[in-house]
Protein backbone atom coordinates (compact mmCIF):
# COMPACT_ATOMS: atom_id res chain seq x y z
CA MET A 1 29.92 -70.15 79.07
CA PRO A 2 29.44 -66.95 77.29
CA ALA A 3 25.87 -65.92 75.69
CA ASP A 4 25.88 -66.64 72.19
CA PRO A 5 24.93 -63.93 69.93
CA ARG A 6 23.66 -66.82 67.52
CA PRO A 7 19.86 -67.06 66.29
CA THR A 8 17.97 -70.31 67.62
CA ILE A 9 18.61 -73.04 65.30
CA ALA A 10 16.01 -75.72 63.97
CA PRO A 11 14.26 -78.32 65.70
CA ILE A 12 16.50 -81.20 66.27
CA ASP A 13 16.25 -84.81 64.90
CA ARG A 14 15.84 -87.73 66.73
CA GLU A 15 19.35 -89.26 65.09
CA ALA A 16 20.93 -86.23 65.69
CA VAL A 17 20.24 -86.58 69.00
CA ALA A 18 21.24 -90.29 69.47
CA SER A 19 24.45 -89.72 67.88
CA VAL A 20 25.51 -87.60 70.61
CA ALA A 21 23.66 -89.59 73.22
CA ALA A 22 26.25 -92.48 71.81
CA ILE A 23 29.52 -90.87 72.97
CA LEU A 24 28.26 -89.01 76.32
CA PRO A 25 29.39 -91.87 78.52
CA HIS A 26 32.82 -91.61 76.84
CA TRP A 27 32.76 -88.18 77.23
CA LEU A 28 32.07 -88.63 80.83
CA GLU A 29 34.42 -90.74 81.51
CA THR A 30 37.36 -88.89 79.55
CA LEU A 31 36.56 -85.65 81.66
CA ILE A 32 36.08 -87.57 85.05
CA ALA A 33 39.83 -88.72 84.53
CA SER A 34 41.24 -85.51 82.95
CA ARG A 35 40.26 -83.41 85.28
CA GLY A 36 40.14 -85.59 88.65
CA LEU A 37 36.49 -85.07 89.02
CA THR A 38 34.20 -87.66 91.59
CA GLY A 39 31.05 -88.61 89.45
CA VAL A 40 28.74 -87.02 87.37
CA GLN A 41 25.38 -88.37 85.93
CA ALA A 42 24.15 -86.79 82.55
CA ALA A 43 20.78 -86.75 80.87
CA ILE A 44 18.65 -85.89 77.62
CA TRP A 45 14.78 -86.10 77.65
CA HIS A 46 14.38 -84.95 73.93
CA GLU A 47 10.18 -85.10 72.66
CA GLY A 48 8.90 -86.71 75.14
CA ALA A 49 11.23 -89.43 75.63
CA LEU A 50 14.45 -90.00 78.11
CA VAL A 51 17.27 -90.85 75.06
CA ALA A 52 20.32 -91.15 77.25
CA GLU A 53 20.35 -91.29 81.11
CA VAL A 54 24.68 -91.87 82.58
CA ALA A 55 26.58 -91.99 85.54
CA ALA A 56 30.20 -92.37 85.54
CA GLY A 57 32.72 -91.55 88.90
CA THR A 58 32.15 -92.42 91.88
CA ALA A 59 29.30 -91.93 94.83
CA ASP A 60 31.92 -92.83 97.47
CA GLU A 61 34.82 -92.16 96.69
CA SER A 62 36.55 -93.16 100.17
CA ALA A 63 35.03 -96.28 99.47
CA GLY A 64 35.70 -96.46 95.97
CA THR A 65 31.07 -97.05 95.28
CA ALA A 66 30.84 -96.64 91.62
CA LEU A 67 28.15 -93.60 91.04
CA LEU A 68 24.67 -95.18 89.34
CA THR A 69 21.70 -93.91 87.00
CA THR A 70 19.84 -94.16 90.23
CA HIS A 71 21.65 -92.69 92.76
CA ARG A 72 19.76 -89.42 94.15
CA LEU A 73 21.89 -86.04 94.27
CA ARG A 74 20.63 -83.08 95.72
CA ILE A 75 20.23 -80.80 93.11
CA ALA A 76 19.84 -77.51 95.83
CA SER A 77 18.52 -74.51 93.90
CA HIS A 78 16.25 -76.12 91.11
CA SER A 79 13.52 -75.98 94.40
CA LYS A 80 12.95 -72.42 93.10
CA MET A 81 11.56 -73.36 89.77
CA PHE A 82 9.59 -76.25 92.11
CA CYS A 83 8.19 -73.52 94.57
CA ALA A 84 7.74 -71.62 91.39
CA LEU A 85 6.07 -74.13 90.17
CA ALA A 86 3.89 -74.71 93.01
CA VAL A 87 3.20 -71.20 93.74
CA LEU A 88 1.61 -70.44 89.92
CA ARG A 89 -0.42 -73.73 90.39
CA LEU A 90 -2.08 -72.25 93.18
CA ALA A 91 -2.57 -69.04 91.60
CA GLU A 92 -4.12 -71.08 88.85
CA GLN A 93 -6.74 -72.17 91.08
CA ASP A 94 -7.49 -68.53 92.63
CA ARG A 95 -5.46 -69.76 95.69
CA LEU A 96 -3.58 -66.99 95.84
CA ARG A 97 -2.39 -64.16 93.36
CA LEU A 98 1.40 -63.05 92.45
CA ASP A 99 0.86 -59.66 94.04
CA ASP A 100 -0.30 -60.81 97.67
CA THR A 101 1.96 -59.70 99.94
CA LEU A 102 3.49 -62.08 102.62
CA GLY A 103 1.67 -61.01 105.65
CA THR A 104 -1.65 -61.42 103.84
CA HIS A 105 -0.67 -65.70 103.88
CA VAL A 106 1.70 -65.81 106.61
CA GLY A 107 -0.03 -64.62 110.36
CA GLU A 108 3.33 -64.66 112.36
CA LEU A 109 4.59 -62.19 109.67
CA ALA A 110 1.84 -59.56 109.24
CA ASP A 111 3.13 -56.77 111.11
CA SER A 112 6.76 -57.57 110.34
CA PRO A 113 9.53 -55.52 108.12
CA VAL A 114 8.79 -58.42 105.19
CA ALA A 115 5.43 -57.85 105.70
CA ASN A 116 4.68 -55.77 102.34
CA ARG A 117 6.67 -58.31 100.14
CA THR A 118 4.80 -59.88 96.79
CA LEU A 119 4.87 -62.93 96.23
CA ARG A 120 5.93 -61.93 92.60
CA ASP A 121 9.46 -59.89 93.92
CA LEU A 122 9.82 -62.84 96.16
CA LEU A 123 9.83 -65.30 92.83
CA SER A 124 11.81 -62.83 90.92
CA HIS A 125 14.69 -62.07 93.85
CA SER A 126 13.50 -59.11 93.60
CA ALA A 127 12.38 -58.27 97.03
CA GLY A 128 15.78 -57.13 98.91
CA LEU A 129 15.86 -59.81 101.26
CA THR A 130 18.74 -61.12 102.49
CA ARG A 131 20.75 -64.56 100.99
CA ASP A 132 21.61 -66.43 103.11
CA SER A 133 21.02 -63.56 106.89
CA SER A 134 23.82 -62.68 108.68
CA ASP A 135 25.12 -66.10 110.25
CA SER A 136 24.22 -69.41 107.39
CA GLY A 137 26.07 -71.54 109.00
CA TRP A 138 24.12 -74.30 107.74
CA TRP A 139 26.02 -74.33 104.32
CA ALA A 140 29.74 -75.01 106.17
CA LEU A 141 27.36 -77.76 108.39
CA ARG A 142 28.18 -75.87 111.31
CA PHE A 143 24.61 -76.61 112.75
CA PRO A 144 21.17 -77.70 110.53
CA PHE A 145 19.39 -75.73 108.35
CA PRO A 146 16.77 -73.06 109.86
CA ASP A 147 13.52 -74.81 111.14
CA ARG A 148 10.36 -72.82 110.72
CA GLU A 149 10.86 -71.17 113.68
CA GLN A 150 14.44 -69.84 113.16
CA LEU A 151 13.04 -68.82 109.64
CA ILE A 152 10.51 -66.52 111.04
CA GLU A 153 12.55 -65.12 113.52
CA ILE A 154 15.02 -64.14 110.92
CA ALA A 155 12.13 -62.87 108.46
CA ARG A 156 11.06 -60.72 111.67
CA THR A 157 14.95 -59.68 112.45
CA SER A 158 17.59 -58.98 109.85
CA ALA A 159 15.91 -60.29 106.07
CA VAL A 160 15.33 -57.09 105.13
CA VAL A 161 18.41 -55.32 103.04
CA ALA A 162 17.16 -52.98 100.43
CA GLU A 163 13.54 -51.84 98.93
CA PRO A 164 11.95 -53.81 96.61
CA GLY A 165 12.91 -53.70 93.11
CA LEU A 166 16.12 -52.06 93.10
CA HIS A 167 18.55 -54.83 92.18
CA LEU A 168 18.63 -58.55 91.83
CA GLN A 169 19.13 -59.79 95.22
CA TYR A 170 19.10 -63.71 95.27
CA SER A 171 17.35 -64.41 98.45
CA ASN A 172 17.40 -68.68 99.74
CA ILE A 173 15.43 -67.34 102.71
CA GLY A 174 13.04 -64.82 100.19
CA TYR A 175 12.35 -68.97 98.60
CA GLY A 176 11.81 -70.31 101.98
CA LEU A 177 9.18 -67.76 103.15
CA LEU A 178 7.54 -68.93 99.67
CA GLY A 179 7.36 -72.03 101.45
CA LEU A 180 5.62 -71.01 104.46
CA VAL A 181 2.92 -69.04 102.30
CA ILE A 182 2.53 -72.47 99.98
CA GLU A 183 1.70 -74.02 104.07
CA SER A 184 -0.62 -71.32 104.62
CA VAL A 185 -2.46 -71.70 101.43
CA THR A 186 -2.89 -75.60 100.97
CA GLY A 187 -2.58 -76.50 104.78
CA ALA A 188 -0.51 -78.80 103.88
CA GLY A 189 3.12 -79.07 104.96
CA PHE A 190 5.85 -78.13 102.10
CA ALA A 191 6.32 -81.95 101.28
CA ASP A 192 2.59 -82.81 101.00
CA ALA A 193 1.91 -79.85 99.10
CA VAL A 194 4.27 -79.87 95.62
CA HIS A 195 3.49 -83.28 95.65
CA GLU A 196 0.10 -82.62 95.05
CA LEU A 197 0.43 -80.16 93.47
CA VAL A 198 3.77 -80.21 90.72
CA LEU A 199 4.68 -83.78 91.17
CA ASP A 200 1.88 -86.57 91.11
CA PRO A 201 -0.05 -84.35 88.52
CA VAL A 202 2.78 -85.42 85.98
CA GLY A 203 3.46 -89.01 87.15
CA ALA A 204 6.86 -88.15 88.59
CA GLU A 205 9.04 -89.97 90.25
CA GLY A 206 13.20 -90.20 91.55
CA ILE A 207 12.67 -86.56 92.35
CA GLY A 208 11.91 -85.20 95.90
CA PRO A 209 11.71 -81.88 98.47
CA ASP A 210 13.59 -83.17 101.36
CA LEU A 211 15.87 -85.54 102.55
CA PRO A 212 14.07 -88.09 103.80
CA ASP A 213 14.40 -89.38 106.95
CA ASP A 214 15.15 -93.34 105.63
CA ALA A 215 17.43 -91.55 103.44
CA THR A 216 19.99 -94.32 102.56
CA GLY A 217 23.28 -94.02 101.14
CA PRO A 218 25.72 -94.95 98.31
CA GLU A 219 25.64 -98.52 98.84
CA ASP A 220 21.54 -98.86 97.95
CA PRO A 221 21.56 -98.71 93.86
CA HIS A 222 18.43 -96.25 95.51
CA GLY A 223 20.62 -94.39 97.57
CA PHE A 224 22.04 -90.89 98.11
CA ALA A 225 25.43 -90.36 96.86
CA LEU A 226 27.61 -88.55 99.00
CA GLY A 227 28.99 -85.73 98.39
CA HIS A 228 33.16 -84.68 98.00
CA SER A 229 34.96 -81.64 98.83
CA THR A 230 37.52 -79.72 96.94
CA ARG A 231 41.43 -80.51 96.38
CA LEU A 232 41.71 -76.80 97.59
CA HIS A 233 43.00 -78.25 100.65
CA GLY A 234 44.62 -82.05 99.27
CA ALA A 235 42.68 -85.57 99.37
CA ARG A 236 38.85 -85.10 99.18
CA ARG A 237 36.42 -85.78 101.99
CA THR A 238 33.69 -87.06 101.62
CA VAL A 239 30.31 -85.09 102.86
CA GLU A 240 27.03 -86.32 104.27
CA GLN A 241 23.68 -85.30 103.02
CA ILE A 242 21.87 -82.83 105.35
CA PRO A 243 17.95 -81.92 105.18
CA THR A 244 17.30 -78.13 104.64
CA HIS A 245 14.13 -78.32 106.93
CA ALA A 246 11.96 -74.94 106.38
CA LEU A 247 14.84 -73.73 103.57
CA ALA A 248 13.09 -76.66 101.08
CA ALA A 249 11.71 -74.71 98.74
CA ALA A 250 14.60 -73.06 98.26
CA THR A 251 17.15 -75.80 97.97
CA GLY A 252 16.30 -79.43 99.55
CA PHE A 253 15.41 -81.13 96.55
CA TRP A 254 17.06 -84.29 95.33
CA ALA A 255 16.74 -85.83 91.85
CA SER A 256 19.03 -88.22 89.61
CA ALA A 257 19.51 -86.73 85.99
CA GLY A 258 16.84 -88.94 84.35
CA PRO A 259 14.55 -88.23 86.09
CA ILE A 260 15.13 -84.60 86.63
CA ALA A 261 15.27 -83.67 82.97
CA THR A 262 12.09 -85.80 82.37
CA PHE A 263 9.70 -83.51 84.42
CA ALA A 264 11.52 -80.52 83.22
CA GLY A 265 11.10 -81.56 79.53
CA LYS A 266 7.57 -82.44 80.29
CA VAL A 267 6.78 -79.20 82.30
CA LEU A 268 8.86 -76.48 80.67
CA ALA A 269 8.83 -77.77 76.66
CA ASP A 270 5.49 -79.43 77.16
CA ASP A 271 3.19 -77.97 79.13
CA ALA A 272 1.92 -80.92 80.97
CA LEU A 273 1.24 -79.16 83.83
CA LEU A 274 1.31 -75.37 83.71
CA ASP A 275 -1.24 -73.26 81.14
CA PRO A 276 0.56 -71.75 78.37
CA ALA A 277 -0.33 -67.92 80.14
CA SER A 278 0.91 -69.01 83.67
CA LEU A 279 4.60 -70.74 81.79
CA ARG A 280 4.27 -66.87 80.13
CA GLN A 281 4.72 -65.33 83.29
CA MET A 282 6.80 -67.84 85.15
CA ARG A 283 9.25 -67.04 82.16
CA ARG A 284 9.50 -63.93 81.20
CA ARG A 285 12.95 -62.05 82.14
CA VAL A 286 12.37 -59.63 85.07
CA TRP A 287 16.41 -59.59 85.25
CA THR A 288 19.02 -59.43 82.83
CA LEU A 289 22.45 -60.86 83.69
CA ALA A 290 25.52 -60.37 83.00
CA GLU A 291 26.56 -61.54 79.05
CA GLY A 292 23.19 -61.94 78.42
CA THR A 293 21.16 -63.97 80.92
CA GLY A 294 18.52 -63.39 82.21
CA TYR A 295 15.81 -64.68 85.83
CA GLY A 296 11.96 -65.43 85.94
CA LEU A 297 10.13 -66.78 88.34
CA GLY A 298 12.20 -69.34 89.97
CA LEU A 299 13.52 -69.84 85.89
CA GLN A 300 17.54 -68.73 85.00
CA GLU A 301 17.63 -68.11 80.77
CA ALA A 302 20.30 -68.25 78.76
CA ASN A 303 21.25 -68.81 74.59
CA LEU A 304 23.95 -71.70 74.82
CA HIS A 305 24.89 -72.46 71.28
CA GLY A 306 21.78 -71.13 69.44
CA PHE A 307 19.68 -72.46 71.84
CA ALA A 308 16.69 -70.02 74.10
CA ALA A 309 17.30 -72.81 77.02
CA ILE A 310 15.30 -72.05 80.58
CA GLY A 311 15.97 -73.66 83.24
CA HIS A 312 17.54 -73.67 86.80
CA SER A 313 21.61 -74.57 88.51
CA GLY A 314 22.15 -76.07 91.78
CA GLY A 315 24.62 -75.47 94.45
CA PHE A 316 24.52 -77.61 97.55
CA PRO A 317 27.42 -78.89 100.67
CA THR A 318 27.39 -82.51 98.49
CA GLY A 319 27.45 -81.20 94.48
CA LEU A 320 26.70 -78.21 91.72
CA THR A 321 23.70 -79.12 89.14
CA ARG A 322 22.45 -78.14 85.85
CA THR A 323 19.40 -78.60 84.27
CA TRP A 324 18.16 -76.65 80.69
CA VAL A 325 15.46 -76.78 78.85
CA VAL A 326 15.32 -76.13 75.25
CA PRO A 327 11.26 -75.14 74.94
CA ALA A 328 11.52 -74.92 70.98
CA ALA A 329 13.37 -78.02 69.67
CA ARG A 330 11.65 -80.01 73.16
CA LEU A 331 14.56 -80.66 74.37
CA ALA A 332 16.18 -81.24 77.71
CA VAL A 333 19.17 -81.90 79.01
CA SER A 334 20.76 -82.16 83.31
CA VAL A 335 24.28 -82.73 84.67
CA LEU A 336 24.50 -83.45 88.14
CA GLY A 337 27.86 -83.49 89.73
CA THR A 338 28.84 -85.36 93.55
CA SER A 339 31.79 -82.92 94.31
CA TYR A 340 31.66 -78.83 95.12
CA ASP A 341 33.86 -78.41 91.87
CA ALA A 342 31.61 -80.62 89.70
CA PRO A 343 31.44 -77.96 86.84
CA THR A 344 28.30 -79.41 85.72
CA SER A 345 27.28 -76.25 83.92
CA ASP A 346 30.33 -76.47 81.85
CA ILE A 347 29.03 -80.04 81.10
CA ALA A 348 25.44 -79.21 80.24
CA ALA A 349 26.67 -75.91 77.65
CA GLY A 350 29.02 -78.39 76.34
CA LEU A 351 26.84 -80.95 75.97
CA LEU A 352 24.24 -78.43 73.93
CA GLY A 353 26.77 -77.70 72.27
CA LEU A 354 27.43 -80.77 71.06
CA LEU A 355 23.46 -81.56 70.14
CA SER A 356 24.68 -77.94 68.13
CA LEU A 357 26.73 -79.65 66.41
CA ALA A 358 24.90 -82.68 65.49
CA SER A 359 21.38 -80.20 64.36
CA GLY A 360 23.62 -78.91 61.38
CA SER A 361 25.35 -75.90 63.23
CA PRO A 362 28.78 -75.76 62.58
CA ALA A 363 31.56 -75.46 65.47
CA GLY A 364 32.25 -71.92 67.34
CA LYS A 365 33.99 -69.83 65.20
CA ALA A 366 34.34 -71.77 62.14
CA ALA A 367 32.30 -70.14 59.60
CA THR A 368 34.54 -66.71 61.37
CA TYR A 369 37.76 -68.91 60.43
CA GLU A 370 36.42 -69.81 57.21
CA GLU A 371 34.75 -66.25 55.10
CA ALA A 372 36.65 -64.97 52.46
CA GLY A 373 39.58 -62.60 54.04
CA ALA A 374 39.40 -64.25 57.63
CA LEU A 375 42.31 -63.27 59.37
CA GLY A 376 43.15 -60.81 57.14
CA GLY A 377 43.88 -62.77 54.80
CA ALA A 378 43.64 -63.17 50.97
CA SER A 379 41.46 -66.33 51.52
CA ASN A 380 38.56 -66.10 49.12
CA GLY A 381 36.63 -68.29 52.21
CA ARG A 382 36.38 -71.80 52.15
CA PRO A 383 33.30 -73.80 51.46
CA ARG A 384 31.89 -76.31 54.22
CA PRO A 385 32.09 -79.77 53.84
CA GLN A 386 29.04 -81.23 52.47
CA PRO A 387 27.53 -83.98 55.27
CA LEU A 388 28.80 -87.77 54.52
CA ALA A 389 25.74 -88.84 52.95
CA GLU A 390 26.22 -86.50 50.12
CA GLN A 391 30.50 -87.08 49.96
CA ALA A 392 31.84 -88.75 47.50
CA PRO A 393 32.46 -92.57 47.83
CA VAL A 394 36.42 -93.25 48.28
CA LEU A 395 38.25 -96.78 46.75
CA ILE A 396 40.47 -98.50 49.94
CA ALA A 397 42.01 -100.85 49.31
CA GLY A 398 40.09 -102.11 45.99
CA THR A 399 37.20 -101.62 47.37
CA GLU A 400 34.71 -98.69 47.19
CA ARG A 401 33.14 -97.53 50.68
CA THR A 402 30.61 -94.37 51.28
CA ALA A 403 32.06 -91.07 53.23
CA ALA A 404 29.56 -92.33 56.24
CA GLU A 405 31.04 -95.72 56.50
CA VAL A 406 34.65 -94.93 56.14
CA ALA A 407 33.55 -92.56 59.37
CA ALA A 408 31.81 -95.19 60.90
CA LEU A 409 35.30 -96.75 60.82
CA VAL A 410 37.40 -94.71 62.21
CA ALA A 411 35.02 -92.94 64.86
CA GLY A 412 36.49 -93.67 67.83
CA SER A 413 39.05 -91.73 70.45
CA TYR A 414 42.61 -91.41 70.08
CA ASP A 415 45.30 -90.48 72.70
CA SER A 416 48.52 -89.35 73.24
CA LEU A 417 50.73 -88.96 76.29
CA GLY A 418 48.91 -85.00 76.47
CA ALA A 419 45.10 -85.38 75.73
CA ARG A 420 42.78 -87.50 73.48
CA SER A 421 40.86 -87.18 70.57
CA ARG A 422 37.57 -87.92 69.11
CA LEU A 423 36.44 -88.95 65.83
CA ALA A 424 32.42 -88.70 65.98
CA VAL A 425 29.72 -89.01 63.93
CA LEU A 426 27.47 -86.41 64.94
CA GLY A 427 24.44 -85.56 62.72
CA GLY A 428 25.68 -87.02 59.30
CA ARG A 429 28.92 -85.05 59.74
CA LEU A 430 32.42 -85.55 61.04
CA PHE A 431 34.00 -83.80 63.85
CA LEU A 432 37.23 -83.98 65.10
CA LEU A 433 36.60 -83.27 68.92
CA ALA A 434 39.08 -82.76 71.88
CA ASP A 435 37.61 -85.00 74.19
CA GLU A 436 39.09 -83.59 77.77
CA ASP A 437 37.34 -80.57 76.75
CA LEU A 438 34.00 -79.17 78.94
CA ASP A 439 32.85 -77.76 75.24
CA PRO A 440 34.21 -79.90 72.77
CA SER A 441 31.66 -77.77 70.01
CA GLU A 442 34.02 -74.87 70.65
CA SER A 443 37.14 -75.76 68.99
CA ALA A 444 35.53 -78.78 66.99
CA LEU A 445 36.81 -79.02 63.35
CA GLU A 446 34.67 -80.85 60.97
CA LEU A 447 36.30 -82.87 58.74
CA ALA A 448 35.61 -83.84 54.64
CA VAL A 449 36.53 -87.84 53.79
CA GLY A 450 39.65 -87.28 51.09
CA THR A 451 41.50 -89.90 49.36
CA ALA A 452 42.93 -92.91 50.50
CA ARG A 453 46.77 -94.24 49.70
CA ASP A 454 47.25 -97.77 49.52
CA GLU A 455 50.18 -98.75 51.09
CA GLU A 456 51.56 -102.03 52.18
CA ASP A 457 48.95 -103.66 54.79
CA ALA A 458 48.36 -100.49 54.93
CA VAL A 459 45.94 -97.42 54.27
CA THR A 460 46.52 -94.09 54.31
CA LEU A 461 43.12 -91.32 54.75
CA GLU A 462 43.26 -87.63 54.35
CA LEU A 463 40.53 -86.27 56.10
CA PRO A 464 40.62 -82.53 55.20
CA THR A 465 39.85 -79.53 58.53
CA TRP A 466 37.23 -77.15 58.12
CA GLY A 467 36.84 -74.34 61.26
CA ASP A 468 40.42 -74.38 62.41
CA SER A 469 41.97 -71.17 63.42
CA GLY A 470 45.15 -71.17 61.96
CA TYR A 471 47.23 -72.25 64.97
CA GLY A 472 46.64 -76.34 63.58
CA SER A 473 45.49 -77.49 60.46
CA TRP A 474 43.92 -74.85 58.61
CA ALA A 475 45.76 -75.94 55.37
CA GLU A 476 46.66 -79.74 56.29
CA PRO A 477 44.26 -82.59 56.73
CA ALA A 478 44.72 -85.27 59.19
CA LEU A 479 45.98 -88.06 58.56
CA LEU A 480 45.02 -91.31 59.29
CA ARG A 481 46.26 -94.59 59.26
CA LEU A 482 44.70 -97.97 59.00
CA GLU A 483 46.24 -101.41 59.09
CA HIS A 484 44.83 -104.92 57.73
CA ARG A 485 44.72 -107.16 61.29
CA ASP A 486 42.20 -109.84 61.38
CA GLY A 487 41.21 -110.18 57.91
CA SER A 488 39.68 -106.23 58.74
CA LEU A 489 40.67 -102.80 58.48
CA ARG A 490 41.38 -100.88 61.35
CA PRO A 491 42.45 -97.65 62.74
CA VAL A 492 45.97 -97.08 64.49
CA ALA A 493 47.20 -93.92 64.13
CA LEU A 494 45.64 -90.09 63.94
CA ARG A 495 48.35 -87.21 62.18
CA VAL A 496 46.83 -83.98 62.99
CA THR A 497 49.48 -81.46 62.27
CA GLY A 498 52.06 -84.21 63.29
CA GLN A 499 50.83 -84.99 66.76
CA LEU A 500 50.13 -88.53 66.54
CA GLN A 501 47.80 -90.18 68.71
CA VAL A 502 46.91 -94.29 68.28
CA PRO A 503 43.40 -95.59 69.06
CA THR A 504 42.34 -95.23 73.22
CA ALA A 505 42.35 -98.69 73.76
CA ASP A 506 46.08 -99.21 71.83
CA PHE A 507 47.26 -96.08 74.24
CA LEU A 508 50.26 -97.67 76.40
CA VAL A 509 51.36 -95.34 79.90
CA PRO A 510 54.99 -95.48 80.64
CA ALA A 511 55.55 -96.96 83.73
CA GLN A 512 58.77 -95.07 84.35
CA ARG A 513 59.51 -91.41 83.91
CA ILE A 514 59.47 -90.32 80.89
CA ARG A 515 63.11 -89.72 78.93
CA VAL A 516 64.04 -87.63 76.20
CA PRO A 517 66.05 -88.80 73.17
CA ARG A 518 69.79 -89.13 73.47
């Protein structure tokens, strides 16, 4: 998702967030069906409350086990955020300093090539250490993740690949070594230390630092979902979970979408764990990456749809994950997947896009397409539709209805053989969304409620569009046909530039080969 140059939008209210939460389950189901995904969890936290917690697809595709919101998934490099929080907590307690060196705290490394690397450089991937060592077969599940002794050996023999500070050099090994620092300073194992320093102080539940010895599988509603391979080599294979041992600080954590969104929102938006000064250190950008994204101390940063967001992603043999927090809006979203090709970062960006629409921002390039002289044409520009509450009422079948009532009547998904569209009310405005898109907000059309033409036993409703590039319906309204059935009006067909779609529940998939008309 390219960085967005637009300024951060205004804080979003709960009603707007709820309007996105209402369509989230249906959107995820569409993505899974249209893209052949396995399972996806998603959650939205806002102003201290978990507003949405959704699961769709499978936790074990081979057995047909449905993914639940309570299933646990590995969140991989989210672990770096937890590790950084633990280090900063120890710094607040004056038990270490960020400019301390690795050799100061880990005796076995005092005379090693990594001894002079600082904790700050390790946290920001500035220490010039190998990403995963010269043979990281644990990622391919060829052998177990390294234990402490093996990690120490890597650090002593092959970890250094560059001088500190030359360039971003992402390092799981570096974060594994930070885990050893935490153990040395606290005198406890990493799991116990991170519980005491990070998880327990904020009452976090449903999150843990590594695969438990007694972990159950997807047959348990609170067990671990299986991972799934990609379809590159044919049918997907299920992938078992694996403990990460000495690399837990880099990649071992697990969670469900609801708990990680809640934790991240509390800690990064509501200052529930660190002093504000410590959190500023963590957020402050160290590296500026492609397209304006950045990395601080255990945190990634980006501007997405006008939201200045911080968080982390994760990639593990069992799936991909992404969490973003928008401190200014007290907002967090998390998307977790059960396959290695799950487009969780794209879905999370799309979720922020929908929340941006709900907050009142126009879609992607809509304003550009509607400004005076757009595309080099002679248009004087067109005003954006008013919110539904401010639009004029419409006379339908002899009854005056408000624009909001009409929008509620027509909202829902509409199918054709090749696509699914969704009419959705987001933040008090009506949008036409491409439901199978990873980021429906980019191509969203905003609709006004126009005139209604009464016909025998039916009504045709015009929905003028705003924000089209010109390849679709810039000058043509969407047309919605409603029919009187069982004493009430219900939608039966949606036409956009002549393309016909019917309500999803009414769509019939051809049972055989589709033949052209003769």
